[in-house]
Amino acid sequence: MMISRPAIAVVIGLLVALAVIAPLAWLINTRDWGVALMLLVPFIVYGLIRLARALAHWANPPPDMPSRDDGF
């Protein structure tokens, strides 16, 4: 049984997001200094978006464009 690349990409993305967001939310909620971590949240979200784009590209790469050397 072969697992497809899109399914693997979704699982990896969800696991990474859960592994990053859950501890961050717990620290923000339970520590007095956790509020300072809110300054990191935009950068973490940006990193997760970049990861999602990279996984999407890996899971479904765009078709190769013909070059001038191909005779088209």
C-alpha atoms as a PDB file:
ATOM      1  CA  MET A   1       0.000   0.000   0.000  1.00  0.00           C
ATOM      2  CA  MET A   2       1.479   3.310  -1.124  1.00  0.00           C
ATOM      3  CA  ILE A   3       0.575   6.471   0.776  1.00  0.00           C
ATOM      4  CA  SER A   4       0.240   9.495  -1.488  1.00  0.00           C
ATOM      5  CA  ARG A   5       2.446  12.555  -1.157  1.00  0.00           C
ATOM      6  CA  PRO A   6      -0.458  14.922  -0.416  1.00  0.00           C
ATOM      7  CA  ALA A   7      -1.538  12.743   2.517  1.00  0.00           C
ATOM      8  CA  ILE A   8       2.009  12.657   3.885  1.00  0.00           C
ATOM      9  CA  ALA A   9       2.287  16.443   3.489  1.00  0.00           C
ATOM     10  CA  VAL A  10      -0.949  17.015   5.410  1.00  0.00           C
ATOM     11  CA  VAL A  11       0.132  14.734   8.243  1.00  0.00           C
ATOM     12  CA  ILE A  12       3.567  16.364   8.490  1.00  0.00           C
ATOM     13  CA  GLY A  13       2.034  19.846   8.436  1.00  0.00           C
ATOM     14  CA  LEU A  14      -0.488  19.015  11.139  1.00  0.00           C
ATOM     15  CA  LEU A  15       2.098  17.362  13.366  1.00  0.00           C
ATOM     16  CA  VAL A  16       4.506  20.297  13.086  1.00  0.00           C
ATOM     17  CA  ALA A  17       1.735  22.835  13.699  1.00  0.00           C
ATOM     18  CA  LEU A  18       0.512  20.920  16.741  1.00  0.00           C
ATOM     19  CA  ALA A  19       4.050  20.499  18.072  1.00  0.00           C
ATOM     20  CA  VAL A  20       4.685  24.250  17.760  1.00  0.00           C
ATOM     21  CA  ILE A  21       1.331  25.816  18.627  1.00  0.00           C
ATOM     22  CA  ALA A  22       0.345  23.642  21.616  1.00  0.00           C
ATOM     23  CA  PRO A  23       3.435  24.364  23.753  1.00  0.00           C
ATOM     24  CA  LEU A  24       3.383  28.011  22.725  1.00  0.00           C
ATOM     25  CA  ALA A  25      -0.252  28.409  23.730  1.00  0.00           C
ATOM     26  CA  TRP A  26       0.394  26.569  27.000  1.00  0.00           C
ATOM     27  CA  LEU A  27       3.351  28.820  27.852  1.00  0.00           C
ATOM     28  CA  ILE A  28       1.419  31.980  26.990  1.00  0.00           C
ATOM     29  CA  ASN A  29      -1.479  30.830  29.156  1.00  0.00           C
ATOM     30  CA  THR A  30       0.392  29.532  32.213  1.00  0.00           C
ATOM     31  CA  ARG A  31       3.512  31.666  32.669  1.00  0.00           C
ATOM     32  CA  ASP A  32       3.671  35.266  33.791  1.00  0.00           C
ATOM     33  CA  TRP A  33       6.294  35.984  31.142  1.00  0.00           C
ATOM     34  CA  GLY A  34       4.245  34.099  28.551  1.00  0.00           C
ATOM     35  CA  VAL A  35       2.653  37.303  27.329  1.00  0.00           C
ATOM     36  CA  ALA A  36       6.052  38.320  25.972  1.00  0.00           C
ATOM     37  CA  LEU A  37       5.893  35.277  23.697  1.00  0.00           C
ATOM     38  CA  MET A  38       3.066  36.985  21.822  1.00  0.00           C
ATOM     39  CA  LEU A  39       5.798  38.968  20.085  1.00  0.00           C
ATOM     40  CA  LEU A  40       7.002  35.721  18.496  1.00  0.00           C
ATOM     41  CA  VAL A  41       3.591  34.573  17.266  1.00  0.00           C
ATOM     42  CA  PRO A  42       3.622  36.437  13.907  1.00  0.00           C
ATOM     43  CA  PHE A  43       7.023  34.962  13.060  1.00  0.00           C
ATOM     44  CA  ILE A  44       5.911  31.462  14.040  1.00  0.00           C
ATOM     45  CA  VAL A  45       2.756  31.747  11.953  1.00  0.00           C
ATOM     46  CA  TYR A  46       4.811  33.021   9.019  1.00  0.00           C
ATOM     47  CA  GLY A  47       7.123  30.024   9.394  1.00  0.00           C
ATOM     48  CA  LEU A  48       4.164  27.650   9.436  1.00  0.00           C
ATOM     49  CA  ILE A  49       2.787  29.265   6.278  1.00  0.00           C
ATOM     50  CA  ARG A  50       6.163  28.874   4.563  1.00  0.00           C
ATOM     51  CA  LEU A  51       6.255  25.231   5.656  1.00  0.00           C
ATOM     52  CA  ALA A  52       2.761  24.670   4.264  1.00  0.00           C
ATOM     53  CA  ARG A  53       3.763  26.181   0.914  1.00  0.00           C
ATOM     54  CA  ALA A  54       6.905  24.028   0.770  1.00  0.00           C
ATOM     55  CA  LEU A  55       4.908  20.903   1.598  1.00  0.00           C
ATOM     56  CA  ALA A  56       2.308  21.787  -1.035  1.00  0.00           C
ATOM     57  CA  HIS A  57       5.035  22.229  -3.628  1.00  0.00           C
ATOM     58  CA  TRP A  58       6.580  18.906  -2.603  1.00  0.00           C
ATOM     59  CA  ALA A  59       3.238  17.109  -2.664  1.00  0.00           C
ATOM     60  CA  ASN A  60       2.127  18.451  -6.041  1.00  0.00           C
ATOM     61  CA  PRO A  61       5.020  19.950  -8.010  1.00  0.00           C
ATOM     62  CA  PRO A  62       4.122  22.178 -10.960  1.00  0.00           C
ATOM     63  CA  PRO A  63       4.530  20.638 -14.398  1.00  0.00           C
ATOM     64  CA  ASP A  64       7.803  21.281 -16.168  1.00  0.00           C
ATOM     65  CA  MET A  65       7.590  24.128 -18.611  1.00  0.00           C
ATOM     66  CA  PRO A  66       8.995  23.403 -22.042  1.00  0.00           C
ATOM     67  CA  SER A  67      12.244  25.184 -22.759  1.00  0.00           C
ATOM     68  CA  ARG A  68      13.603  26.479 -26.048  1.00  0.00           C
ATOM     69  CA  ASP A  69      15.868  23.447 -26.279  1.00  0.00           C
ATOM     70  CA  ASP A  70      12.834  21.138 -26.515  1.00  0.00           C
ATOM     71  CA  GLY A  71      12.020  22.367 -30.008  1.00  0.00           C
ATOM     72  CA  PHE A  72       8.879  24.307 -29.178  1.00  0.00           C
END
